[in-house]
Amino acid sequence: MVVAESELEVKLPALLDSIHADMLSRNRDELITRVRPVTCMEDLISSLDQHCICIAPFCGDQNCEDQVKEASAK
């Protein structure tokens, strides 16, 4: 893209806004596809292997947390 120096003050902010909107839209869509609810350990591990963000139930027990950490560690 070539912009005359005399037009920079007007065109540059609009170009930056367009770039920002495109990046935001693309990354928001990517995030939405990577958030996954999981209810079992197999789904959790599989989703984590695919670099997803998992929404999982948690009972609050430290032993359960330790088991999840151990099973999902790479």
PDB file of N, CA and C in Angstrom:
ATOM      1  N   MET A   1       0.850  -1.175   0.000  1.00  0.00           N
ATOM      2  CA  MET A   1       0.000   0.000   0.000  1.00  0.00           C
ATOM      3  C   MET A   1       0.890   1.231   0.000  1.00  0.00           C
ATOM      4  N   VAL A   2       0.583   2.138  -0.863  1.00  0.00           N
ATOM      5  CA  VAL A   2       1.333   3.383  -0.962  1.00  0.00           C
ATOM      6  C   VAL A   2       0.388   4.516  -0.596  1.00  0.00           C
ATOM      7  N   VAL A   3       0.860   5.369   0.322  1.00  0.00           N
ATOM      8  CA  VAL A   3       0.066   6.515   0.753  1.00  0.00           C
ATOM      9  C   VAL A   3       0.937   7.752   0.631  1.00  0.00           C
ATOM     10  N   ALA A   4       0.394   8.761   0.018  1.00  0.00           N
ATOM     11  CA  ALA A   4       1.136  10.014  -0.111  1.00  0.00           C
ATOM     12  C   ALA A   4       1.354  10.618   1.269  1.00  0.00           C
ATOM     13  N   GLU A   5       2.503  11.236   1.448  1.00  0.00           N
ATOM     14  CA  GLU A   5       2.835  11.832   2.743  1.00  0.00           C
ATOM     15  C   GLU A   5       1.774  12.840   3.179  1.00  0.00           C
ATOM     16  N   SER A   6       1.208  13.548   2.245  1.00  0.00           N
ATOM     17  CA  SER A   6       0.188  14.548   2.577  1.00  0.00           C
ATOM     18  C   SER A   6      -1.109  13.910   3.089  1.00  0.00           C
ATOM     19  N   GLU A   7      -1.313  12.623   2.827  1.00  0.00           N
ATOM     20  CA  GLU A   7      -2.531  11.934   3.256  1.00  0.00           C
ATOM     21  C   GLU A   7      -2.333  11.085   4.510  1.00  0.00           C
ATOM     22  N   LEU A   8      -1.109  11.005   5.008  1.00  0.00           N
ATOM     23  CA  LEU A   8      -0.819  10.147   6.155  1.00  0.00           C
ATOM     24  C   LEU A   8      -1.675  10.471   7.368  1.00  0.00           C
ATOM     25  N   GLU A   9      -1.822  11.740   7.658  1.00  0.00           N
ATOM     26  CA  GLU A   9      -2.556  12.142   8.861  1.00  0.00           C
ATOM     27  C   GLU A   9      -4.000  11.645   8.843  1.00  0.00           C
ATOM     28  N   VAL A  10      -4.583  11.554   7.684  1.00  0.00           N
ATOM     29  CA  VAL A  10      -5.966  11.104   7.558  1.00  0.00           C
ATOM     30  C   VAL A  10      -6.049   9.584   7.394  1.00  0.00           C
ATOM     31  N   LYS A  11      -5.199   9.016   6.558  1.00  0.00           N
ATOM     32  CA  LYS A  11      -5.319   7.598   6.213  1.00  0.00           C
ATOM     33  C   LYS A  11      -4.704   6.653   7.242  1.00  0.00           C
ATOM     34  N   LEU A  12      -3.649   7.074   7.920  1.00  0.00           N
ATOM     35  CA  LEU A  12      -2.984   6.175   8.857  1.00  0.00           C
ATOM     36  C   LEU A  12      -3.884   5.757  10.020  1.00  0.00           C
ATOM     37  N   PRO A  13      -4.591   6.679  10.695  1.00  0.00           N
ATOM     38  CA  PRO A  13      -5.486   6.232  11.776  1.00  0.00           C
ATOM     39  C   PRO A  13      -6.560   5.253  11.290  1.00  0.00           C
ATOM     40  N   ALA A  14      -7.113   5.491  10.118  1.00  0.00           N
ATOM     41  CA  ALA A  14      -8.135   4.583   9.584  1.00  0.00           C
ATOM     42  C   ALA A  14      -7.532   3.216   9.274  1.00  0.00           C
ATOM     43  N   LEU A  15      -6.326   3.201   8.726  1.00  0.00           N
ATOM     44  CA  LEU A  15      -5.655   1.939   8.426  1.00  0.00           C
ATOM     45  C   LEU A  15      -5.367   1.167   9.709  1.00  0.00           C
ATOM     46  N   LEU A  16      -4.875   1.855  10.725  1.00  0.00           N
ATOM     47  CA  LEU A  16      -4.594   1.199  12.005  1.00  0.00           C
ATOM     48  C   LEU A  16      -5.872   0.660  12.640  1.00  0.00           C
ATOM     49  N   ASP A  17      -6.951   1.416  12.568  1.00  0.00           N
ATOM     50  CA  ASP A  17      -8.236   0.935  13.099  1.00  0.00           C
ATOM     51  C   ASP A  17      -8.699  -0.320  12.364  1.00  0.00           C
ATOM     52  N   SER A  18      -8.521  -0.345  11.059  1.00  0.00           N
ATOM     53  CA  SER A  18      -8.911  -1.506  10.266  1.00  0.00           C
ATOM     54  C   SER A  18      -8.064  -2.729  10.626  1.00  0.00           C
ATOM     55  N   ILE A  19      -6.759  -2.533  10.768  1.00  0.00           N
ATOM     56  CA  ILE A  19      -5.868  -3.633  11.157  1.00  0.00           C
ATOM     57  C   ILE A  19      -6.263  -4.160  12.528  1.00  0.00           C
ATOM     58  N   HIS A  20      -6.520  -3.256  13.462  1.00  0.00           N
ATOM     59  CA  HIS A  20      -6.904  -3.653  14.822  1.00  0.00           C
ATOM     60  C   HIS A  20      -8.204  -4.456  14.815  1.00  0.00           C
ATOM     61  N   ALA A  21      -9.196  -3.976  14.081  1.00  0.00           N
ATOM     62  CA  ALA A  21     -10.491  -4.666  14.024  1.00  0.00           C
ATOM     63  C   ALA A  21     -10.341  -6.065  13.420  1.00  0.00           C
ATOM     64  N   ASP A  22      -9.538  -6.180  12.369  1.00  0.00           N
ATOM     65  CA  ASP A  22      -9.315  -7.494  11.744  1.00  0.00           C
ATOM     66  C   ASP A  22      -8.617  -8.451  12.703  1.00  0.00           C
ATOM     67  N   MET A  23      -7.589  -7.969  13.392  1.00  0.00           N
ATOM     68  CA  MET A  23      -6.855  -8.818  14.337  1.00  0.00           C
ATOM     69  C   MET A  23      -7.756  -9.244  15.486  1.00  0.00           C
ATOM     70  N   LEU A  24      -8.538  -8.318  16.011  1.00  0.00           N
ATOM     71  CA  LEU A  24      -9.434  -8.622  17.121  1.00  0.00           C
ATOM     72  C   LEU A  24     -10.466  -9.669  16.717  1.00  0.00           C
ATOM     73  N   SER A  25     -11.059  -9.493  15.562  1.00  0.00           N
ATOM     74  CA  SER A  25     -12.071 -10.439  15.091  1.00  0.00           C
ATOM     75  C   SER A  25     -11.478 -11.833  14.898  1.00  0.00           C
ATOM     76  N   ARG A  26     -10.331 -11.897  14.249  1.00  0.00           N
ATOM     77  CA  ARG A  26      -9.693 -13.190  13.986  1.00  0.00           C
ATOM     78  C   ARG A  26      -9.316 -13.887  15.289  1.00  0.00           C
ATOM     79  N   ASN A  27      -8.748 -13.150  16.227  1.00  0.00           N
ATOM     80  CA  ASN A  27      -8.328 -13.759  17.487  1.00  0.00           C
ATOM     81  C   ASN A  27      -9.504 -14.109  18.388  1.00  0.00           C
ATOM     82  N   ARG A  28     -10.557 -13.316  18.351  1.00  0.00           N
ATOM     83  CA  ARG A  28     -11.754 -13.646  19.127  1.00  0.00           C
ATOM     84  C   ARG A  28     -12.379 -14.940  18.608  1.00  0.00           C
ATOM     85  N   ASP A  29     -12.455 -15.074  17.293  1.00  0.00           N
ATOM     86  CA  ASP A  29     -12.987 -16.307  16.699  1.00  0.00           C
ATOM     87  C   ASP A  29     -12.125 -17.508  17.080  1.00  0.00           C
ATOM     88  N   GLU A  30     -10.820 -17.346  17.055  1.00  0.00           N
ATOM     89  CA  GLU A  30      -9.903 -18.428  17.431  1.00  0.00           C
ATOM     90  C   GLU A  30     -10.112 -18.820  18.892  1.00  0.00           C
ATOM     91  N   LEU A  31     -10.259 -17.842  19.759  1.00  0.00           N
ATOM     92  CA  LEU A  31     -10.484 -18.124  21.178  1.00  0.00           C
ATOM     93  C   LEU A  31     -11.775 -18.912  21.377  1.00  0.00           C
ATOM     94  N   ILE A  32     -12.827 -18.482  20.720  1.00  0.00           N
ATOM     95  CA  ILE A  32     -14.124 -19.149  20.871  1.00  0.00           C
ATOM     96  C   ILE A  32     -14.037 -20.617  20.457  1.00  0.00           C
ATOM     97  N   THR A  33     -13.290 -20.915  19.410  1.00  0.00           N
ATOM     98  CA  THR A  33     -13.186 -22.308  18.965  1.00  0.00           C
ATOM     99  C   THR A  33     -12.308 -23.139  19.886  1.00  0.00           C
ATOM    100  N   ARG A  34     -11.504 -22.498  20.724  1.00  0.00           N
ATOM    101  CA  ARG A  34     -10.581 -23.238  21.590  1.00  0.00           C
ATOM    102  C   ARG A  34     -11.065 -23.386  23.031  1.00  0.00           C
ATOM    103  N   VAL A  35     -12.201 -22.832  23.377  1.00  0.00           N
ATOM    104  CA  VAL A  35     -12.755 -23.008  24.723  1.00  0.00           C
ATOM    105  C   VAL A  35     -13.698 -24.207  24.679  1.00  0.00           C
ATOM    106  N   ARG A  36     -13.408 -25.200  25.508  1.00  0.00           N
ATOM    107  CA  ARG A  36     -14.202 -26.434  25.477  1.00  0.00           C
ATOM    108  C   ARG A  36     -14.610 -26.865  26.877  1.00  0.00           C
ATOM    109  N   PRO A  37     -15.886 -27.167  27.058  1.00  0.00           N
ATOM    110  CA  PRO A  37     -16.310 -27.775  28.324  1.00  0.00           C
ATOM    111  C   PRO A  37     -15.918 -29.251  28.326  1.00  0.00           C
ATOM    112  N   VAL A  38     -15.411 -29.724  29.443  1.00  0.00           N
ATOM    113  CA  VAL A  38     -15.035 -31.139  29.569  1.00  0.00           C
ATOM    114  C   VAL A  38     -15.619 -31.684  30.862  1.00  0.00           C
ATOM    115  N   THR A  39     -15.935 -32.988  30.857  1.00  0.00           N
ATOM    116  CA  THR A  39     -16.519 -33.606  32.052  1.00  0.00           C
ATOM    117  C   THR A  39     -15.781 -34.858  32.485  1.00  0.00           C
ATOM    118  N   CYS A  40     -14.783 -35.278  31.695  1.00  0.00           N
ATOM    119  CA  CYS A  40     -14.018 -36.465  32.094  1.00  0.00           C
ATOM    120  C   CYS A  40     -12.539 -36.233  31.800  1.00  0.00           C
ATOM    121  N   MET A  41     -11.701 -37.018  32.428  1.00  0.00           N
ATOM    122  CA  MET A  41     -10.258 -36.853  32.305  1.00  0.00           C
ATOM    123  C   MET A  41      -9.784 -37.037  30.862  1.00  0.00           C
ATOM    124  N   GLU A  42     -10.368 -37.998  30.148  1.00  0.00           N
ATOM    125  CA  GLU A  42      -9.953 -38.244  28.765  1.00  0.00           C
ATOM    126  C   GLU A  42     -10.191 -37.014  27.887  1.00  0.00           C
ATOM    127  N   ASP A  43     -11.359 -36.390  28.051  1.00  0.00           N
ATOM    128  CA  ASP A  43     -11.665 -35.182  27.278  1.00  0.00           C
ATOM    129  C   ASP A  43     -10.736 -34.034  27.672  1.00  0.00           C
ATOM    130  N   LEU A  44     -10.418 -33.944  28.949  1.00  0.00           N
ATOM    131  CA  LEU A  44      -9.516 -32.896  29.424  1.00  0.00           C
ATOM    132  C   LEU A  44      -8.146 -33.045  28.773  1.00  0.00           C
ATOM    133  N   ILE A  45      -7.583 -34.237  28.834  1.00  0.00           N
ATOM    134  CA  ILE A  45      -6.254 -34.477  28.276  1.00  0.00           C
ATOM    135  C   ILE A  45      -6.251 -34.244  26.767  1.00  0.00           C
ATOM    136  N   SER A  46      -7.261 -34.757  26.087  1.00  0.00           N
ATOM    137  CA  SER A  46      -7.359 -34.580  24.639  1.00  0.00           C
ATOM    138  C   SER A  46      -7.453 -33.097  24.270  1.00  0.00           C
ATOM    139  N   SER A  47      -8.269 -32.355  24.985  1.00  0.00           N
ATOM    140  CA  SER A  47      -8.434 -30.929  24.700  1.00  0.00           C
ATOM    141  C   SER A  47      -7.164 -30.151  25.002  1.00  0.00           C
ATOM    142  N   LEU A  48      -6.497 -30.469  26.092  1.00  0.00           N
ATOM    143  CA  LEU A  48      -5.236 -29.799  26.415  1.00  0.00           C
ATOM    144  C   LEU A  48      -4.176 -30.103  25.357  1.00  0.00           C
ATOM    145  N   ASP A  49      -4.150 -31.334  24.867  1.00  0.00           N
ATOM    146  CA  ASP A  49      -3.204 -31.698  23.804  1.00  0.00           C
ATOM    147  C   ASP A  49      -3.445 -30.886  22.537  1.00  0.00           C
ATOM    148  N   GLN A  50      -4.679 -30.438  22.350  1.00  0.00           N
ATOM    149  CA  GLN A  50      -5.032 -29.619  21.185  1.00  0.00           C
ATOM    150  C   GLN A  50      -4.918 -28.122  21.497  1.00  0.00           C
ATOM    151  N   HIS A  51      -4.269 -27.796  22.612  1.00  0.00           N
ATOM    152  CA  HIS A  51      -4.028 -26.411  23.036  1.00  0.00           C
ATOM    153  C   HIS A  51      -5.324 -25.639  23.284  1.00  0.00           C
ATOM    154  N   CYS A  52      -6.304 -26.321  23.856  1.00  0.00           N
ATOM    155  CA  CYS A  52      -7.589 -25.693  24.156  1.00  0.00           C
ATOM    156  C   CYS A  52      -7.625 -25.211  25.604  1.00  0.00           C
ATOM    157  N   ILE A  53      -8.548 -24.314  25.857  1.00  0.00           N
ATOM    158  CA  ILE A  53      -8.841 -23.854  27.209  1.00  0.00           C
ATOM    159  C   ILE A  53     -10.035 -24.672  27.680  1.00  0.00           C
ATOM    160  N   CYS A  54      -9.876 -25.357  28.798  1.00  0.00           N
ATOM    161  CA  CYS A  54     -10.913 -26.275  29.265  1.00  0.00           C
ATOM    162  C   CYS A  54     -11.724 -25.676  30.404  1.00  0.00           C
ATOM    163  N   ILE A  55     -13.018 -25.903  30.341  1.00  0.00           N
ATOM    164  CA  ILE A  55     -13.917 -25.555  31.432  1.00  0.00           C
ATOM    165  C   ILE A  55     -14.330 -26.880  32.055  1.00  0.00           C
ATOM    166  N   ALA A  56     -13.853 -27.104  33.276  1.00  0.00           N
ATOM    167  CA  ALA A  56     -14.060 -28.402  33.916  1.00  0.00           C
ATOM    168  C   ALA A  56     -14.590 -28.211  35.327  1.00  0.00           C
ATOM    169  N   PRO A  57     -15.421 -29.137  35.779  1.00  0.00           N
ATOM    170  CA  PRO A  57     -15.878 -29.079  37.167  1.00  0.00           C
ATOM    171  C   PRO A  57     -14.706 -29.343  38.108  1.00  0.00           C
ATOM    172  N   PHE A  58     -14.786 -28.769  39.306  1.00  0.00           N
ATOM    173  CA  PHE A  58     -13.737 -28.973  40.305  1.00  0.00           C
ATOM    174  C   PHE A  58     -14.396 -29.114  41.665  1.00  0.00           C
ATOM    175  N   CYS A  59     -14.096 -30.217  42.327  1.00  0.00           N
ATOM    176  CA  CYS A  59     -14.738 -30.504  43.607  1.00  0.00           C
ATOM    177  C   CYS A  59     -14.091 -29.752  44.771  1.00  0.00           C
ATOM    178  N   GLY A  60     -12.914 -29.185  44.547  1.00  0.00           N
ATOM    179  CA  GLY A  60     -12.235 -28.453  45.606  1.00  0.00           C
ATOM    180  C   GLY A  60     -11.270 -29.301  46.416  1.00  0.00           C
ATOM    181  N   ASP A  61     -11.183 -30.577  46.132  1.00  0.00           N
ATOM    182  CA  ASP A  61     -10.309 -31.498  46.862  1.00  0.00           C
ATOM    183  C   ASP A  61      -8.891 -31.426  46.290  1.00  0.00           C
ATOM    184  N   GLN A  62      -7.916 -31.223  47.154  1.00  0.00           N
ATOM    185  CA  GLN A  62      -6.523 -31.125  46.731  1.00  0.00           C
ATOM    186  C   GLN A  62      -6.054 -32.400  46.033  1.00  0.00           C
ATOM    187  N   ASN A  63      -6.529 -33.561  46.484  1.00  0.00           N
ATOM    188  CA  ASN A  63      -6.142 -34.823  45.845  1.00  0.00           C
ATOM    189  C   ASN A  63      -6.605 -34.877  44.389  1.00  0.00           C
ATOM    190  N   CYS A  64      -7.808 -34.393  44.135  1.00  0.00           N
ATOM    191  CA  CYS A  64      -8.309 -34.356  42.757  1.00  0.00           C
ATOM    192  C   CYS A  64      -7.447 -33.422  41.902  1.00  0.00           C
ATOM    193  N   GLU A  65      -7.124 -32.273  42.462  1.00  0.00           N
ATOM    194  CA  GLU A  65      -6.284 -31.328  41.726  1.00  0.00           C
ATOM    195  C   GLU A  65      -4.929 -31.953  41.403  1.00  0.00           C
ATOM    196  N   ASP A  66      -4.345 -32.641  42.362  1.00  0.00           N
ATOM    197  CA  ASP A  66      -3.051 -33.294  42.141  1.00  0.00           C
ATOM    198  C   ASP A  66      -3.145 -34.359  41.052  1.00  0.00           C
ATOM    199  N   GLN A  67      -4.245 -35.116  41.033  1.00  0.00           N
ATOM    200  CA  GLN A  67      -4.428 -36.143  40.004  1.00  0.00           C
ATOM    201  C   GLN A  67      -4.534 -35.515  38.615  1.00  0.00           C
ATOM    202  N   VAL A  68      -5.253 -34.406  38.527  1.00  0.00           N
ATOM    203  CA  VAL A  68      -5.394 -33.718  37.240  1.00  0.00           C
ATOM    204  C   VAL A  68      -4.040 -33.174  36.794  1.00  0.00           C
ATOM    205  N   LYS A  69      -3.304 -32.565  37.708  1.00  0.00           N
ATOM    206  CA  LYS A  69      -1.979 -32.042  37.364  1.00  0.00           C
ATOM    207  C   LYS A  69      -1.063 -33.150  36.864  1.00  0.00           C
ATOM    208  N   GLU A  70      -1.077 -34.275  37.546  1.00  0.00           N
ATOM    209  CA  GLU A  70      -0.214 -35.393  37.162  1.00  0.00           C
ATOM    210  C   GLU A  70      -0.628 -35.967  35.809  1.00  0.00           C
ATOM    211  N   ALA A  71      -1.923 -36.144  35.615  1.00  0.00           N
ATOM    212  CA  ALA A  71      -2.412 -36.745  34.370  1.00  0.00           C
ATOM    213  C   ALA A  71      -2.217 -35.823  33.167  1.00  0.00           C
ATOM    214  N   SER A  72      -2.235 -34.525  33.395  1.00  0.00           N
ATOM    215  CA  SER A  72      -2.152 -33.587  32.277  1.00  0.00           C
ATOM    216  C   SER A  72      -0.748 -33.047  32.046  1.00  0.00           C
ATOM    217  N   ALA A  73       0.208 -33.406  32.884  1.00  0.00           N
ATOM    218  CA  ALA A  73       1.584 -32.910  32.734  1.00  0.00           C
ATOM    219  C   ALA A  73       2.250 -33.543  31.521  1.00  0.00           C
ATOM    220  N   LYS A  74       3.033 -32.740  30.830  1.00  0.00           N
ATOM    221  CA  LYS A  74       3.811 -33.250  29.688  1.00  0.00           C
ATOM    222  C   LYS A  74       5.251 -32.907  29.891  1.00  0.00           C
TER     223      LYS A  74
END
